[in-house]
Amino acid sequence: MIKITFESATGARQEIEANPGESLMIAAVRNRVKGIEAACGGSLVCGTCHVFVSEPWFSALPEMRADERLMLDYGVETAENSRLACQIPVTAALDGALVRTPVAQI
């Protein structure tokens, strides 16, 4: 199992265990992470799984596809380390990662 810590905009932390190969969004929903609504179920059409991925884990992620970038362009409170959790595959490289959720998703 891969351990990932989610931190809300209020500073509350929740460590979860994720399975290699599943998306970070699926792992967050399964573990009832507050701030990850995942309204579209991972179809890349809603942006309600927006997260900020801390370094060094952000640099270990696969390159963002154009459709994810487009969805984030319509997002609120995006940053250079913004990603959609539905587009992040869980791998061993994410073990110990710190992922934050934006204020808009409290």
Protein backbone atom coordinates (compact mmCIF):
# COMPACT_ATOMS: atom_id res chain seq x y z
CA MET A 1 0.00 0.00 0.00
CA ILE A 2 1.05 3.54 -0.78
CA LYS A 3 0.57 6.10 2.02
CA ILE A 4 -0.57 9.60 1.02
CA THR A 5 -1.47 12.50 3.30
CA PHE A 6 -4.25 14.87 2.31
CA GLU A 7 -4.35 18.30 3.92
CA SER A 8 -7.44 20.49 3.72
CA ALA A 9 -7.34 24.28 3.37
CA THR A 10 -8.10 24.41 7.11
CA GLY A 11 -4.98 22.37 7.91
CA ALA A 12 -6.76 19.13 8.83
CA ARG A 13 -4.72 16.11 7.74
CA GLN A 14 -5.80 12.60 6.80
CA GLU A 15 -3.38 9.84 5.87
CA ILE A 16 -4.79 7.25 3.50
CA GLU A 17 -3.60 4.03 1.94
CA ALA A 18 -3.86 3.79 -1.83
CA ASN A 19 -3.49 0.82 -4.14
CA PRO A 20 -0.90 0.98 -6.92
CA GLY A 21 -2.61 1.46 -10.27
CA GLU A 22 -5.77 3.16 -9.02
CA SER A 23 -6.26 6.89 -9.47
CA LEU A 24 -5.59 9.22 -6.58
CA MET A 25 -9.25 10.31 -6.83
CA ILE A 26 -10.52 6.73 -6.39
CA ALA A 27 -8.27 6.28 -3.35
CA ALA A 28 -9.47 9.58 -1.87
CA VAL A 29 -13.15 8.76 -2.41
CA ARG A 30 -12.73 5.25 -0.99
CA ASN A 31 -11.13 6.78 2.11
CA ARG A 32 -13.74 9.58 2.35
CA VAL A 33 -11.25 12.42 2.05
CA LYS A 34 -13.06 15.70 2.68
CA GLY A 35 -12.66 18.13 -0.19
CA ILE A 36 -12.60 15.49 -2.92
CA GLU A 37 -16.13 15.45 -4.32
CA ALA A 38 -15.34 13.67 -7.59
CA ALA A 39 -18.76 14.61 -8.98
CA CYS A 40 -18.04 13.25 -12.47
CA GLY A 41 -16.51 10.01 -11.21
CA GLY A 42 -13.21 10.62 -12.96
CA SER A 43 -14.54 11.55 -16.40
CA LEU A 44 -12.42 14.73 -16.48
CA VAL A 45 -15.41 17.06 -16.80
CA CYS A 46 -15.93 18.67 -13.39
CA GLY A 47 -12.70 19.61 -11.61
CA THR A 48 -14.02 18.67 -8.15
CA CYS A 49 -10.96 16.53 -7.47
CA HIS A 50 -8.53 19.45 -7.87
CA VAL A 51 -5.47 19.08 -5.65
CA PHE A 52 -2.10 20.71 -5.06
CA VAL A 53 0.70 18.14 -5.08
CA SER A 54 3.77 19.06 -3.03
CA GLU A 55 7.34 18.53 -4.19
CA PRO A 56 9.17 16.28 -4.70
CA TRP A 57 6.10 14.21 -5.61
CA PHE A 58 4.75 16.75 -8.11
CA SER A 59 7.85 16.35 -10.27
CA ALA A 60 7.40 12.56 -10.22
CA LEU A 61 3.93 12.73 -11.79
CA PRO A 62 3.32 11.90 -15.44
CA GLU A 63 3.06 14.91 -17.70
CA MET A 64 -0.32 16.63 -17.71
CA ARG A 65 -2.44 16.00 -20.80
CA ALA A 66 -4.06 18.87 -22.70
CA ASP A 67 -7.60 17.99 -21.56
CA GLU A 68 -6.56 18.13 -17.89
CA ARG A 69 -4.85 21.49 -18.48
CA LEU A 70 -8.02 22.80 -20.14
CA MET A 71 -10.17 21.73 -17.16
CA LEU A 72 -7.76 23.39 -14.74
CA ASP A 73 -7.82 26.57 -16.83
CA TYR A 74 -11.48 26.87 -15.85
CA GLY A 75 -10.74 26.11 -12.20
CA VAL A 76 -10.67 28.36 -9.19
CA GLU A 77 -7.51 28.92 -7.15
CA THR A 78 -5.19 26.96 -9.41
CA ALA A 79 -1.41 27.01 -9.03
CA GLU A 80 1.65 25.62 -10.77
CA ASN A 81 1.33 22.40 -8.74
CA SER A 82 -2.39 21.94 -9.47
CA ARG A 83 -3.56 18.60 -10.80
CA LEU A 84 -6.80 16.66 -11.00
CA ALA A 85 -6.66 13.62 -8.73
CA CYS A 86 -8.59 11.58 -11.31
CA GLN A 87 -5.60 11.92 -13.64
CA ILE A 88 -2.94 10.87 -11.15
CA PRO A 89 -2.12 7.16 -11.14
CA VAL A 90 -0.97 5.89 -7.77
CA THR A 91 2.57 4.54 -7.97
CA ALA A 92 5.35 3.84 -5.48
CA ALA A 93 6.75 7.28 -6.38
CA LEU A 94 3.80 8.83 -4.49
CA ASP A 95 4.53 7.01 -1.23
CA GLY A 96 4.60 9.62 1.55
CA ALA A 97 3.17 12.37 -0.67
CA LEU A 98 1.49 15.46 0.75
CA VAL A 99 -1.53 16.57 -1.28
CA ARG A 100 -3.55 19.67 -0.43
CA THR A 101 -7.14 20.52 -1.35
CA PRO A 102 -8.12 24.09 -2.23
CA VAL A 103 -10.30 26.43 -0.16
CA ALA A 104 -13.06 26.14 -2.78
CA GLN A 105 -13.40 22.45 -1.86
CA ILE A 106 -13.93 22.79 1.90
